[in-house]
């Protein structure tokens, strides 16, 4: 498996949970059940649409699955302090979004 210079997995299909744990460790994130719900949502969305879902879509789609009601992105930033687009997509094995520098 290959990673780009920013640590994003180059091939979506090379991803597995072991890789996710390895990336999360580098990002100083200890994955819990809520992380996994978001990670799997992102992966499923990407597999269908070939794009990363916007934060608003994640909030609306995942909030009922989480123990906390997601009324805004605050809880997502607790889970992924550097941002959902940067950290969650990286851990989920999504190629680097073009708007992330």
PDB file of N, CA and C in Angstrom:
ATOM      1  N   UNK A   1       0.834  -1.172   0.000  1.00  0.00           N
ATOM      2  CA  UNK A   1       0.000   0.000   0.000  1.00  0.00           C
ATOM      3  C   UNK A   1       0.881   1.237   0.000  1.00  0.00           C
ATOM      4  N   UNK A   2       0.380   2.271  -0.675  1.00  0.00           N
ATOM      5  CA  UNK A   2       1.160   3.489  -0.848  1.00  0.00           C
ATOM      6  C   UNK A   2       0.411   4.674  -0.259  1.00  0.00           C
ATOM      7  N   UNK A   3       1.194   5.588   0.303  1.00  0.00           N
ATOM      8  CA  UNK A   3       0.668   6.820   0.875  1.00  0.00           C
ATOM      9  C   UNK A   3       1.266   7.998   0.124  1.00  0.00           C
ATOM     10  N   UNK A   4       0.524   9.118   0.077  1.00  0.00           N
ATOM     11  CA  UNK A   4       1.093  10.308  -0.533  1.00  0.00           C
ATOM     12  C   UNK A   4       1.966  11.029   0.497  1.00  0.00           C
ATOM     13  N   UNK A   5       2.523  12.157   0.101  1.00  0.00           N
ATOM     14  CA  UNK A   5       3.452  12.880   0.978  1.00  0.00           C
ATOM     15  C   UNK A   5       2.785  13.412   2.248  1.00  0.00           C
ATOM     16  N   UNK A   6       1.453  13.514   2.269  1.00  0.00           N
ATOM     17  CA  UNK A   6       0.734  13.987   3.451  1.00  0.00           C
ATOM     18  C   UNK A   6       0.210  12.862   4.335  1.00  0.00           C
ATOM     19  N   UNK A   7       0.457  11.620   3.933  1.00  0.00           N
ATOM     20  CA  UNK A   7       0.017  10.484   4.730  1.00  0.00           C
ATOM     21  C   UNK A   7      -1.339   9.924   4.354  1.00  0.00           C
ATOM     22  N   UNK A   8      -1.905  10.368   3.230  1.00  0.00           N
ATOM     23  CA  UNK A   8      -3.181   9.836   2.749  1.00  0.00           C
ATOM     24  C   UNK A   8      -2.924   8.581   1.924  1.00  0.00           C
ATOM     25  N   UNK A   9      -3.780   7.604   2.109  1.00  0.00           N
ATOM     26  CA  UNK A   9      -3.705   6.368   1.341  1.00  0.00           C
ATOM     27  C   UNK A   9      -4.019   6.683  -0.121  1.00  0.00           C
ATOM     28  N   UNK A  10      -3.193   6.200  -1.031  1.00  0.00           N
ATOM     29  CA  UNK A  10      -3.403   6.502  -2.445  1.00  0.00           C
ATOM     30  C   UNK A  10      -4.532   5.668  -3.054  1.00  0.00           C
ATOM     31  N   UNK A  11      -4.659   4.427  -2.620  1.00  0.00           N
ATOM     32  CA  UNK A  11      -5.674   3.545  -3.183  1.00  0.00           C
ATOM     33  C   UNK A  11      -6.749   3.249  -2.136  1.00  0.00           C
ATOM     34  N   UNK A  12      -7.939   3.707  -2.374  1.00  0.00           N
ATOM     35  CA  UNK A  12      -9.086   3.519  -1.482  1.00  0.00           C
ATOM     36  C   UNK A  12      -9.263   2.050  -1.091  1.00  0.00           C
ATOM     37  N   UNK A  13      -8.996   1.142  -2.008  1.00  0.00           N
ATOM     38  CA  UNK A  13      -9.246  -0.282  -1.789  1.00  0.00           C
ATOM     39  C   UNK A  13      -8.151  -0.984  -0.989  1.00  0.00           C
ATOM     40  N   UNK A  14      -7.061  -0.300  -0.689  1.00  0.00           N
ATOM     41  CA  UNK A  14      -6.004  -0.869   0.153  1.00  0.00           C
ATOM     42  C   UNK A  14      -6.318  -0.741   1.642  1.00  0.00           C
ATOM     43  N   UNK A  15      -7.346   0.005   1.985  1.00  0.00           N
ATOM     44  CA  UNK A  15      -7.673   0.325   3.373  1.00  0.00           C
ATOM     45  C   UNK A  15      -8.204  -0.899   4.135  1.00  0.00           C
ATOM     46  N   UNK A  16      -7.858  -0.938   5.428  1.00  0.00           N
ATOM     47  CA  UNK A  16      -8.460  -1.891   6.361  1.00  0.00           C
ATOM     48  C   UNK A  16      -8.365  -1.282   7.759  1.00  0.00           C
ATOM     49  N   UNK A  17      -8.972  -1.943   8.735  1.00  0.00           N
ATOM     50  CA  UNK A  17      -8.996  -1.382  10.091  1.00  0.00           C
ATOM     51  C   UNK A  17      -7.595  -1.237  10.678  1.00  0.00           C
ATOM     52  N   UNK A  18      -6.718  -2.141  10.357  1.00  0.00           N
ATOM     53  CA  UNK A  18      -5.347  -2.070  10.865  1.00  0.00           C
ATOM     54  C   UNK A  18      -4.664  -0.789  10.370  1.00  0.00           C
ATOM     55  N   UNK A  19      -4.870  -0.465   9.114  1.00  0.00           N
ATOM     56  CA  UNK A  19      -4.308   0.766   8.554  1.00  0.00           C
ATOM     57  C   UNK A  19      -4.943   1.976   9.227  1.00  0.00           C
ATOM     58  N   UNK A  20      -6.251   1.917   9.448  1.00  0.00           N
ATOM     59  CA  UNK A  20      -6.953   3.029  10.107  1.00  0.00           C
ATOM     60  C   UNK A  20      -6.372   3.283  11.494  1.00  0.00           C
ATOM     61  N   UNK A  21      -6.146   2.213  12.255  1.00  0.00           N
ATOM     62  CA  UNK A  21      -5.553   2.374  13.594  1.00  0.00           C
ATOM     63  C   UNK A  21      -4.158   2.986  13.501  1.00  0.00           C
ATOM     64  N   UNK A  22      -3.395   2.580  12.523  1.00  0.00           N
ATOM     65  CA  UNK A  22      -2.035   3.097  12.346  1.00  0.00           C
ATOM     66  C   UNK A  22      -2.055   4.597  12.022  1.00  0.00           C
ATOM     67  N   UNK A  23      -2.947   4.988  11.111  1.00  0.00           N
ATOM     68  CA  UNK A  23      -3.060   6.410  10.751  1.00  0.00           C
ATOM     69  C   UNK A  23      -3.566   7.216  11.946  1.00  0.00           C
ATOM     70  N   UNK A  24      -4.569   6.685  12.635  1.00  0.00           N
ATOM     71  CA  UNK A  24      -5.126   7.379  13.803  1.00  0.00           C
ATOM     72  C   UNK A  24      -4.056   7.597  14.871  1.00  0.00           C
ATOM     73  N   UNK A  25      -3.210   6.605  15.073  1.00  0.00           N
ATOM     74  CA  UNK A  25      -2.140   6.742  16.061  1.00  0.00           C
ATOM     75  C   UNK A  25      -1.204   7.893  15.681  1.00  0.00           C
ATOM     76  N   UNK A  26      -0.872   8.000  14.398  1.00  0.00           N
ATOM     77  CA  UNK A  26      -0.027   9.109  13.931  1.00  0.00           C
ATOM     78  C   UNK A  26      -0.721  10.455  14.122  1.00  0.00           C
ATOM     79  N   UNK A  27      -2.054  10.446  14.079  1.00  0.00           N
ATOM     80  CA  UNK A  27      -2.843  11.667  14.252  1.00  0.00           C
ATOM     81  C   UNK A  27      -3.181  11.923  15.725  1.00  0.00           C
ATOM     82  N   UNK A  28      -2.675  11.082  16.618  1.00  0.00           N
ATOM     83  CA  UNK A  28      -2.939  11.182  18.063  1.00  0.00           C
ATOM     84  C   UNK A  28      -4.426  11.057  18.393  1.00  0.00           C
ATOM     85  N   UNK A  29      -5.083  10.131  17.721  1.00  0.00           N
ATOM     86  CA  UNK A  29      -6.500   9.859  17.961  1.00  0.00           C
ATOM     87  C   UNK A  29      -6.655   8.410  18.387  1.00  0.00           C
ATOM     88  N   UNK A  30      -7.329   8.223  19.512  1.00  0.00           N
ATOM     89  CA  UNK A  30      -7.665   6.885  19.989  1.00  0.00           C
ATOM     90  C   UNK A  30      -9.096   6.614  19.532  1.00  0.00           C
ATOM     91  N   UNK A  31      -9.241   5.732  18.566  1.00  0.00           N
ATOM     92  CA  UNK A  31     -10.542   5.503  17.937  1.00  0.00           C
ATOM     93  C   UNK A  31     -11.528   4.838  18.889  1.00  0.00           C
ATOM     94  N   UNK A  32     -12.758   5.376  18.889  1.00  0.00           N
ATOM     95  CA  UNK A  32     -13.838   4.770  19.663  1.00  0.00           C
ATOM     96  C   UNK A  32     -15.012   4.476  18.725  1.00  0.00           C
ATOM     97  N   UNK A  33     -16.103   4.032  19.280  1.00  0.00           N
ATOM     98  CA  UNK A  33     -17.267   3.643  18.486  1.00  0.00           C
ATOM     99  C   UNK A  33     -17.801   4.794  17.620  1.00  0.00           C
ATOM    100  N   UNK A  34     -17.815   6.005  18.156  1.00  0.00           N
ATOM    101  CA  UNK A  34     -18.299   7.157  17.389  1.00  0.00           C
ATOM    102  C   UNK A  34     -17.384   7.472  16.211  1.00  0.00           C
ATOM    103  N   UNK A  35     -16.080   7.352  16.410  1.00  0.00           N
ATOM    104  CA  UNK A  35     -15.144   7.544  15.298  1.00  0.00           C
ATOM    105  C   UNK A  35     -15.472   6.570  14.169  1.00  0.00           C
ATOM    106  N   UNK A  36     -15.663   5.302  14.537  1.00  0.00           N
ATOM    107  CA  UNK A  36     -15.910   4.277  13.529  1.00  0.00           C
ATOM    108  C   UNK A  36     -17.199   4.526  12.754  1.00  0.00           C
ATOM    109  N   UNK A  37     -18.221   5.022  13.411  1.00  0.00           N
ATOM    110  CA  UNK A  37     -19.476   5.319  12.714  1.00  0.00           C
ATOM    111  C   UNK A  37     -19.249   6.381  11.636  1.00  0.00           C
ATOM    112  N   UNK A  38     -18.466   7.373  11.971  1.00  0.00           N
ATOM    113  CA  UNK A  38     -18.167   8.430  11.007  1.00  0.00           C
ATOM    114  C   UNK A  38     -17.249   7.911   9.903  1.00  0.00           C
ATOM    115  N   UNK A  39     -16.240   7.154  10.288  1.00  0.00           N
ATOM    116  CA  UNK A  39     -15.300   6.602   9.307  1.00  0.00           C
ATOM    117  C   UNK A  39     -16.032   5.727   8.293  1.00  0.00           C
ATOM    118  N   UNK A  40     -16.886   4.841   8.776  1.00  0.00           N
ATOM    119  CA  UNK A  40     -17.616   3.969   7.851  1.00  0.00           C
ATOM    120  C   UNK A  40     -18.623   4.743   7.004  1.00  0.00           C
ATOM    121  N   UNK A  41     -19.237   5.766   7.567  1.00  0.00           N
ATOM    122  CA  UNK A  41     -20.140   6.592   6.764  1.00  0.00           C
ATOM    123  C   UNK A  41     -19.364   7.252   5.625  1.00  0.00           C
ATOM    124  N   UNK A  42     -18.203   7.823   5.941  1.00  0.00           N
ATOM    125  CA  UNK A  42     -17.381   8.482   4.929  1.00  0.00           C
ATOM    126  C   UNK A  42     -16.966   7.493   3.844  1.00  0.00           C
ATOM    127  N   UNK A  43     -16.534   6.315   4.256  1.00  0.00           N
ATOM    128  CA  UNK A  43     -16.115   5.301   3.281  1.00  0.00           C
ATOM    129  C   UNK A  43     -17.272   4.887   2.377  1.00  0.00           C
ATOM    130  N   UNK A  44     -18.436   4.656   2.967  1.00  0.00           N
ATOM    131  CA  UNK A  44     -19.594   4.250   2.163  1.00  0.00           C
ATOM    132  C   UNK A  44     -20.013   5.357   1.199  1.00  0.00           C
ATOM    133  N   UNK A  45     -20.028   6.594   1.680  1.00  0.00           N
ATOM    134  CA  UNK A  45     -20.386   7.727   0.838  1.00  0.00           C
ATOM    135  C   UNK A  45     -19.396   7.846  -0.322  1.00  0.00           C
ATOM    136  N   UNK A  46     -18.115   7.753  -0.005  1.00  0.00           N
ATOM    137  CA  UNK A  46     -17.082   7.871  -1.032  1.00  0.00           C
ATOM    138  C   UNK A  46     -17.186   6.738  -2.058  1.00  0.00           C
ATOM    139  N   UNK A  47     -17.470   5.538  -1.604  1.00  0.00           N
ATOM    140  CA  UNK A  47     -17.557   4.408  -2.529  1.00  0.00           C
ATOM    141  C   UNK A  47     -18.692   4.588  -3.544  1.00  0.00           C
ATOM    142  N   UNK A  48     -19.735   5.307  -3.155  1.00  0.00           N
ATOM    143  CA  UNK A  48     -20.862   5.555  -4.060  1.00  0.00           C
ATOM    144  C   UNK A  48     -20.618   6.780  -4.938  1.00  0.00           C
ATOM    145  N   UNK A  49     -20.218   7.899  -4.330  1.00  0.00           N
ATOM    146  CA  UNK A  49     -20.164   9.179  -5.029  1.00  0.00           C
ATOM    147  C   UNK A  49     -18.764   9.626  -5.458  1.00  0.00           C
ATOM    148  N   UNK A  50     -17.732   8.951  -4.953  1.00  0.00           N
ATOM    149  CA  UNK A  50     -16.332   9.278  -5.276  1.00  0.00           C
ATOM    150  C   UNK A  50     -15.922  10.678  -4.844  1.00  0.00           C
ATOM    151  N   UNK A  51     -16.605  11.193  -3.833  1.00  0.00           N
ATOM    152  CA  UNK A  51     -16.231  12.460  -3.213  1.00  0.00           C
ATOM    153  C   UNK A  51     -16.406  12.326  -1.707  1.00  0.00           C
ATOM    154  N   UNK A  52     -15.747  13.193  -0.982  1.00  0.00           N
ATOM    155  CA  UNK A  52     -15.897  13.240   0.471  1.00  0.00           C
ATOM    156  C   UNK A  52     -17.165  14.019   0.798  1.00  0.00           C
ATOM    157  N   UNK A  53     -18.019  13.488   1.685  1.00  0.00           N
ATOM    158  CA  UNK A  53     -19.241  14.230   2.022  1.00  0.00           C
ATOM    159  C   UNK A  53     -18.914  15.522   2.760  1.00  0.00           C
ATOM    160  N   UNK A  54     -19.714  16.529   2.539  1.00  0.00           N
ATOM    161  CA  UNK A  54     -19.553  17.787   3.267  1.00  0.00           C
ATOM    162  C   UNK A  54     -19.932  17.561   4.731  1.00  0.00           C
ATOM    163  N   UNK A  55     -19.384  18.384   5.595  1.00  0.00           N
ATOM    164  CA  UNK A  55     -19.625  18.256   7.034  1.00  0.00           C
ATOM    165  C   UNK A  55     -21.113  18.251   7.349  1.00  0.00           C
ATOM    166  N   UNK A  56     -21.874  19.087   6.707  1.00  0.00           N
ATOM    167  CA  UNK A  56     -23.317  19.176   6.945  1.00  0.00           C
ATOM    168  C   UNK A  56     -24.007  17.828   6.671  1.00  0.00           C
ATOM    169  N   UNK A  57     -23.579  17.136   5.611  1.00  0.00           N
ATOM    170  CA  UNK A  57     -24.152  15.827   5.279  1.00  0.00           C
ATOM    171  C   UNK A  57     -23.790  14.812   6.346  1.00  0.00           C
ATOM    172  N   UNK A  58     -22.560  14.867   6.822  1.00  0.00           N
ATOM    173  CA  UNK A  58     -22.130  13.948   7.882  1.00  0.00           C
ATOM    174  C   UNK A  58     -22.961  14.191   9.139  1.00  0.00           C
ATOM    175  N   UNK A  59     -23.131  15.446   9.502  1.00  0.00           N
ATOM    176  CA  UNK A  59     -23.906  15.784  10.701  1.00  0.00           C
ATOM    177  C   UNK A  59     -25.326  15.242  10.593  1.00  0.00           C
ATOM    178  N   UNK A  60     -25.992  15.499   9.488  1.00  0.00           N
ATOM    179  CA  UNK A  60     -27.380  15.063   9.328  1.00  0.00           C
ATOM    180  C   UNK A  60     -27.500  13.541   9.248  1.00  0.00           C
ATOM    181  N   UNK A  61     -26.570  12.896   8.594  1.00  0.00           N
ATOM    182  CA  UNK A  61     -26.677  11.460   8.369  1.00  0.00           C
ATOM    183  C   UNK A  61     -26.216  10.612   9.542  1.00  0.00           C
ATOM    184  N   UNK A  62     -25.246  11.097  10.299  1.00  0.00           N
ATOM    185  CA  UNK A  62     -24.647  10.288  11.351  1.00  0.00           C
ATOM    186  C   UNK A  62     -25.184  10.627  12.735  1.00  0.00           C
ATOM    187  N   UNK A  63     -25.795  11.776  12.912  1.00  0.00           N
ATOM    188  CA  UNK A  63     -26.196  12.216  14.252  1.00  0.00           C
ATOM    189  C   UNK A  63     -27.098  11.216  14.961  1.00  0.00           C
ATOM    190  N   UNK A  64     -27.998  10.568  14.245  1.00  0.00           N
ATOM    191  CA  UNK A  64     -28.889   9.603  14.904  1.00  0.00           C
ATOM    192  C   UNK A  64     -28.163   8.342  15.334  1.00  0.00           C
ATOM    193  N   UNK A  65     -26.982   8.072  14.781  1.00  0.00           N
ATOM    194  CA  UNK A  65     -26.208   6.881  15.142  1.00  0.00           C
ATOM    195  C   UNK A  65     -25.301   7.107  16.345  1.00  0.00           C
ATOM    196  N   UNK A  66     -25.047   8.382  16.672  1.00  0.00           N
ATOM    197  CA  UNK A  66     -24.122   8.703  17.746  1.00  0.00           C
ATOM    198  C   UNK A  66     -24.848   8.908  19.066  1.00  0.00           C
ATOM    199  N   UNK A  67     -24.129   8.757  20.142  1.00  0.00           N
ATOM    200  CA  UNK A  67     -24.706   8.963  21.475  1.00  0.00           C
ATOM    201  C   UNK A  67     -25.038  10.433  21.722  1.00  0.00           C
ATOM    202  N   UNK A  68     -24.383  11.330  21.018  1.00  0.00           N
ATOM    203  CA  UNK A  68     -24.566  12.763  21.163  1.00  0.00           C
ATOM    204  C   UNK A  68     -25.306  13.292  19.955  1.00  0.00           C
ATOM    205  N   UNK A  69     -26.233  14.194  20.178  1.00  0.00           N
ATOM    206  CA  UNK A  69     -26.921  14.830  19.063  1.00  0.00           C
ATOM    207  C   UNK A  69     -25.973  15.827  18.423  1.00  0.00           C
ATOM    208  N   UNK A  70     -25.812  15.694  17.130  1.00  0.00           N
ATOM    209  CA  UNK A  70     -24.937  16.609  16.407  1.00  0.00           C
ATOM    210  C   UNK A  70     -25.771  17.769  15.884  1.00  0.00           C
ATOM    211  N   UNK A  71     -25.818  18.841  16.634  1.00  0.00           N
ATOM    212  CA  UNK A  71     -26.536  20.018  16.172  1.00  0.00           C
ATOM    213  C   UNK A  71     -25.614  20.920  15.364  1.00  0.00           C
ATOM    214  N   UNK A  72     -24.339  20.735  15.549  1.00  0.00           N
ATOM    215  CA  UNK A  72     -23.351  21.466  14.774  1.00  0.00           C
ATOM    216  C   UNK A  72     -22.088  20.624  14.710  1.00  0.00           C
ATOM    217  N   UNK A  73     -21.028  21.183  14.227  1.00  0.00           N
ATOM    218  CA  UNK A  73     -19.811  20.401  14.028  1.00  0.00           C
ATOM    219  C   UNK A  73     -18.913  20.321  15.255  1.00  0.00           C
ATOM    220  N   UNK A  74     -19.341  20.852  16.397  1.00  0.00           N
ATOM    221  CA  UNK A  74     -18.491  20.875  17.590  1.00  0.00           C
ATOM    222  C   UNK A  74     -18.061  19.465  17.991  1.00  0.00           C
ATOM    223  N   UNK A  75     -19.010  18.537  18.039  1.00  0.00           N
ATOM    224  CA  UNK A  75     -18.673  17.166  18.435  1.00  0.00           C
ATOM    225  C   UNK A  75     -17.708  16.524  17.439  1.00  0.00           C
ATOM    226  N   UNK A  76     -17.857  16.831  16.170  1.00  0.00           N
ATOM    227  CA  UNK A  76     -16.928  16.301  15.170  1.00  0.00           C
ATOM    228  C   UNK A  76     -15.510  16.800  15.424  1.00  0.00           C
ATOM    229  N   UNK A  77     -15.394  18.056  15.860  1.00  0.00           N
ATOM    230  CA  UNK A  77     -14.063  18.597  16.162  1.00  0.00           C
ATOM    231  C   UNK A  77     -13.497  18.030  17.461  1.00  0.00           C
ATOM    232  N   UNK A  78     -14.349  17.559  18.332  1.00  0.00           N
ATOM    233  CA  UNK A  78     -13.859  16.839  19.520  1.00  0.00           C
ATOM    234  C   UNK A  78     -13.276  15.500  19.078  1.00  0.00           C
ATOM    235  N   UNK A  79     -13.980  14.830  18.182  1.00  0.00           N
ATOM    236  CA  UNK A  79     -13.506  13.535  17.688  1.00  0.00           C
ATOM    237  C   UNK A  79     -12.290  13.675  16.778  1.00  0.00           C
ATOM    238  N   UNK A  80     -12.314  14.682  15.914  1.00  0.00           N
ATOM    239  CA  UNK A  80     -11.239  14.907  14.937  1.00  0.00           C
ATOM    240  C   UNK A  80     -10.775  16.358  15.058  1.00  0.00           C
ATOM    241  N   UNK A  81      -9.875  16.649  16.009  1.00  0.00           N
ATOM    242  CA  UNK A  81      -9.487  18.029  16.329  1.00  0.00           C
ATOM    243  C   UNK A  81      -8.917  18.843  15.164  1.00  0.00           C
ATOM    244  N   UNK A  82      -8.294  18.200  14.209  1.00  0.00           N
ATOM    245  CA  UNK A  82      -7.739  18.939  13.070  1.00  0.00           C
ATOM    246  C   UNK A  82      -8.762  19.085  11.948  1.00  0.00           C
ATOM    247  N   UNK A  83      -9.953  18.562  12.167  1.00  0.00           N
ATOM    248  CA  UNK A  83     -11.026  18.715  11.191  1.00  0.00           C
ATOM    249  C   UNK A  83     -11.435  17.420  10.539  1.00  0.00           C
ATOM    250  N   UNK A  84     -12.700  17.347  10.263  1.00  0.00           N
ATOM    251  CA  UNK A  84     -13.267  16.141   9.666  1.00  0.00           C
ATOM    252  C   UNK A  84     -12.683  15.889   8.281  1.00  0.00           C
ATOM    253  N   UNK A  85     -12.485  16.932   7.513  1.00  0.00           N
ATOM    254  CA  UNK A  85     -11.967  16.761   6.156  1.00  0.00           C
ATOM    255  C   UNK A  85     -10.528  16.255   6.172  1.00  0.00           C
ATOM    256  N   UNK A  86      -9.757  16.725   7.111  1.00  0.00           N
ATOM    257  CA  UNK A  86      -8.347  16.333   7.155  1.00  0.00           C
ATOM    258  C   UNK A  86      -8.159  14.989   7.836  1.00  0.00           C
ATOM    259  N   UNK A  87      -8.564  14.871   9.082  1.00  0.00           N
ATOM    260  CA  UNK A  87      -8.265  13.664   9.848  1.00  0.00           C
ATOM    261  C   UNK A  87      -9.193  12.500   9.548  1.00  0.00           C
ATOM    262  N   UNK A  88     -10.481  12.728   9.525  1.00  0.00           N
ATOM    263  CA  UNK A  88     -11.407  11.609   9.313  1.00  0.00           C
ATOM    264  C   UNK A  88     -11.221  11.013   7.926  1.00  0.00           C
ATOM    265  N   UNK A  89     -11.043  11.858   6.923  1.00  0.00           N
ATOM    266  CA  UNK A  89     -10.856  11.322   5.578  1.00  0.00           C
ATOM    267  C   UNK A  89      -9.544  10.541   5.472  1.00  0.00           C
ATOM    268  N   UNK A  90      -8.528  11.015   6.155  1.00  0.00           N
ATOM    269  CA  UNK A  90      -7.238  10.310   6.133  1.00  0.00           C
ATOM    270  C   UNK A  90      -7.370   8.944   6.800  1.00  0.00           C
ATOM    271  N   UNK A  91      -7.986   8.898   7.961  1.00  0.00           N
ATOM    272  CA  UNK A  91      -8.163   7.639   8.687  1.00  0.00           C
ATOM    273  C   UNK A  91      -9.073   6.693   7.914  1.00  0.00           C
ATOM    274  N   UNK A  92     -10.060   7.247   7.203  1.00  0.00           N
ATOM    275  CA  UNK A  92     -11.001   6.440   6.424  1.00  0.00           C
ATOM    276  C   UNK A  92     -10.387   5.925   5.118  1.00  0.00           C
ATOM    277  N   UNK A  93      -9.180   6.337   4.815  1.00  0.00           N
ATOM    278  CA  UNK A  93      -8.511   5.849   3.615  1.00  0.00           C
ATOM    279  C   UNK A  93      -8.966   6.509   2.328  1.00  0.00           C
ATOM    280  N   UNK A  94      -9.531   7.703   2.449  1.00  0.00           N
ATOM    281  CA  UNK A  94      -9.978   8.455   1.284  1.00  0.00           C
ATOM    282  C   UNK A  94      -8.781   9.227   0.732  1.00  0.00           C
ATOM    283  N   UNK A  95      -8.612   9.257  -0.582  1.00  0.00           N
ATOM    284  CA  UNK A  95      -7.522  10.078  -1.127  1.00  0.00           C
ATOM    285  C   UNK A  95      -7.657  11.523  -0.671  1.00  0.00           C
ATOM    286  N   UNK A  96      -6.548  12.203  -0.600  1.00  0.00           N
ATOM    287  CA  UNK A  96      -6.529  13.585  -0.111  1.00  0.00           C
ATOM    288  C   UNK A  96      -7.509  14.454  -0.890  1.00  0.00           C
ATOM    289  N   UNK A  97      -8.446  15.112  -0.177  1.00  0.00           N
ATOM    290  CA  UNK A  97      -9.382  16.014  -0.855  1.00  0.00           C
ATOM    291  C   UNK A  97      -8.619  17.145  -1.540  1.00  0.00           C
ATOM    292  N   UNK A  98      -9.070  17.545  -2.707  1.00  0.00           N
ATOM    293  CA  UNK A  98      -8.339  18.545  -3.465  1.00  0.00           C
ATOM    294  C   UNK A  98      -8.311  19.906  -2.794  1.00  0.00           C
ATOM    295  N   UNK A  99      -9.246  20.177  -1.899  1.00  0.00           N
ATOM    296  CA  UNK A  99      -9.261  21.478  -1.225  1.00  0.00           C
ATOM    297  C   UNK A  99      -8.416  21.496   0.049  1.00  0.00           C
ATOM    298  N   UNK A 100      -7.785  20.373   0.416  1.00  0.00           N
ATOM    299  CA  UNK A 100      -6.892  20.332   1.587  1.00  0.00           C
ATOM    300  C   UNK A 100      -5.463  20.549   1.127  1.00  0.00           C
ATOM    301  N   UNK A 101      -4.797  21.496   1.737  1.00  0.00           N
ATOM    302  CA  UNK A 101      -3.418  21.795   1.357  1.00  0.00           C
ATOM    303  C   UNK A 101      -2.452  21.321   2.394  1.00  0.00           C
TER     304      UNK A 101
END
